[in-house]
Structures are given as structure tokens and as C-alpha cells.
Amino acid sequence: MFARQLSSLPSYFDLFMGSNSRSAELARADIGTAQLAFVTCLVIALKACSRFNVESEFVSNAICSDM
């Protein structure tokens, strides 16, 4: 069930990366910015699709620890 709820994650990321925004242009040019964009899309998907409460401390410690 959890995986099904996060199935929209690639769509969020693809929509962002395909946009003409300055942020998307930066993400396409820099892998670190692209990773940050992906993590942001992950957090949005978790909050929007599963109503999962994602704390910023969890994101920085667990998800972004090796970035």
C-alpha cells in the first residue's frame, strides 16, 4: 500500500525537471541540486499521498545524511 501511495513521486519529479523554471534549469545542470529536488518531491509525496508526518529533522538525518 505504501509503495502504491508513492507512485506519484516520479511524476512530481518529472514535472519539475521538465518545467522552464530557473530552479529546474539549475537542477538539470547540477546533480546536487537535482538530488535536493528529488528529496523535496519525496517529502511532498509522503505528505500529500499518504498523510505521513515528515519532520524536517528526519529528512535531514535519515534521507540527506550522505548527500
C-alpha atoms as a PDB file:
ATOM      1  CA  MET A   1       0.000   0.000   0.000  1.00  0.00           C
ATOM      2  CA  PHE A   2       2.818   2.411   0.874  1.00  0.00           C
ATOM      3  CA  ALA A   3       4.524   1.896  -2.495  1.00  0.00           C
ATOM      4  CA  ARG A   4       1.248   2.495  -4.314  1.00  0.00           C
ATOM      5  CA  GLN A   5       0.772   5.774  -2.463  1.00  0.00           C
ATOM      6  CA  LEU A   6       4.234   6.943  -3.517  1.00  0.00           C
ATOM      7  CA  SER A   7       3.715   6.039  -7.155  1.00  0.00           C
ATOM      8  CA  SER A   8       3.189   9.741  -7.898  1.00  0.00           C
ATOM      9  CA  LEU A   9       6.762  10.581  -6.830  1.00  0.00           C
ATOM     10  CA  PRO A  10       8.284  10.148 -10.309  1.00  0.00           C
ATOM     11  CA  SER A  11       5.517  12.328 -11.740  1.00  0.00           C
ATOM     12  CA  TYR A  12       6.267  15.171  -9.329  1.00  0.00           C
ATOM     13  CA  PHE A  13       9.967  14.966 -10.100  1.00  0.00           C
ATOM     14  CA  ASP A  14       9.453  14.676 -13.866  1.00  0.00           C
ATOM     15  CA  LEU A  15       7.045  17.607 -13.908  1.00  0.00           C
ATOM     16  CA  PHE A  16       9.514  19.735 -12.005  1.00  0.00           C
ATOM     17  CA  MET A  17      12.534  18.735 -14.090  1.00  0.00           C
ATOM     18  CA  GLY A  18      10.609  19.323 -17.310  1.00  0.00           C
ATOM     19  CA  SER A  19       9.471  22.790 -16.331  1.00  0.00           C
ATOM     20  CA  ASN A  20      11.059  26.003 -17.552  1.00  0.00           C
ATOM     21  CA  SER A  21      11.641  27.403 -14.074  1.00  0.00           C
ATOM     22  CA  ARG A  22      15.038  28.704 -13.053  1.00  0.00           C
ATOM     23  CA  SER A  23      15.178  26.114 -10.258  1.00  0.00           C
ATOM     24  CA  ALA A  24      14.607  23.278 -12.719  1.00  0.00           C
ATOM     25  CA  GLU A  25      17.313  24.636 -15.013  1.00  0.00           C
ATOM     26  CA  LEU A  26      19.730  24.653 -12.062  1.00  0.00           C
ATOM     27  CA  ALA A  27      18.732  21.092 -11.136  1.00  0.00           C
ATOM     28  CA  ARG A  28      19.341  19.876 -14.677  1.00  0.00           C
ATOM     29  CA  ALA A  29      22.828  21.400 -14.578  1.00  0.00           C
ATOM     30  CA  ASP A  30      23.898  20.268 -11.092  1.00  0.00           C
ATOM     31  CA  ILE A  31      23.493  16.783  -9.604  1.00  0.00           C
ATOM     32  CA  GLY A  32      23.391  18.095  -6.023  1.00  0.00           C
ATOM     33  CA  THR A  33      20.501  20.392  -6.845  1.00  0.00           C
ATOM     34  CA  ALA A  34      18.752  17.538  -8.663  1.00  0.00           C
ATOM     35  CA  GLN A  35      19.138  15.334  -5.568  1.00  0.00           C
ATOM     36  CA  LEU A  36      17.664  18.080  -3.406  1.00  0.00           C
ATOM     37  CA  ALA A  37      14.750  18.405  -5.828  1.00  0.00           C
ATOM     38  CA  PHE A  38      14.159  14.644  -5.670  1.00  0.00           C
ATOM     39  CA  VAL A  39      14.150  14.675  -1.857  1.00  0.00           C
ATOM     40  CA  THR A  40      11.726  17.593  -1.937  1.00  0.00           C
ATOM     41  CA  CYS A  41       9.416  15.639  -4.256  1.00  0.00           C
ATOM     42  CA  LEU A  42       9.698  12.633  -1.932  1.00  0.00           C
ATOM     43  CA  VAL A  43       8.627  14.706   1.068  1.00  0.00           C
ATOM     44  CA  ILE A  44       5.722  16.214  -0.900  1.00  0.00           C
ATOM     45  CA  ALA A  45       4.600  12.743  -1.996  1.00  0.00           C
ATOM     46  CA  LEU A  46       4.810  11.424   1.560  1.00  0.00           C
ATOM     47  CA  LYS A  47       2.804  14.319   2.944  1.00  0.00           C
ATOM     48  CA  ALA A  48       0.244  14.606   0.152  1.00  0.00           C
ATOM     49  CA  CYS A  49      -0.378  10.985  -0.764  1.00  0.00           C
ATOM     50  CA  SER A  50      -0.048   9.111   2.487  1.00  0.00           C
ATOM     51  CA  ARG A  51      -0.666  11.840   5.037  1.00  0.00           C
ATOM     52  CA  PHE A  52       2.636  10.752   6.577  1.00  0.00           C
ATOM     53  CA  ASN A  53       4.006  13.316   9.005  1.00  0.00           C
ATOM     54  CA  VAL A  54       7.535  14.070   7.818  1.00  0.00           C
ATOM     55  CA  GLU A  55       9.639  16.064  10.245  1.00  0.00           C
ATOM     56  CA  SER A  56      12.456  18.188   8.865  1.00  0.00           C
ATOM     57  CA  GLU A  57      14.892  16.574  11.320  1.00  0.00           C
ATOM     58  CA  PHE A  58      14.039  13.125   9.910  1.00  0.00           C
ATOM     59  CA  VAL A  59      14.635  14.354   6.363  1.00  0.00           C
ATOM     60  CA  SER A  60      18.000  15.889   7.175  1.00  0.00           C
ATOM     61  CA  ASN A  61      19.217  12.993   9.344  1.00  0.00           C
ATOM     62  CA  ALA A  62      17.848   9.942   7.556  1.00  0.00           C
ATOM     63  CA  ILE A  63      17.386  10.925   3.940  1.00  0.00           C
ATOM     64  CA  CYS A  64      20.044  13.590   3.343  1.00  0.00           C
ATOM     65  CA  SER A  65      22.817  12.195   5.545  1.00  0.00           C
ATOM     66  CA  ASP A  66      25.017  11.096   2.635  1.00  0.00           C
ATOM     67  CA  MET A  67      24.357  13.994   0.283  1.00  0.00           C
END
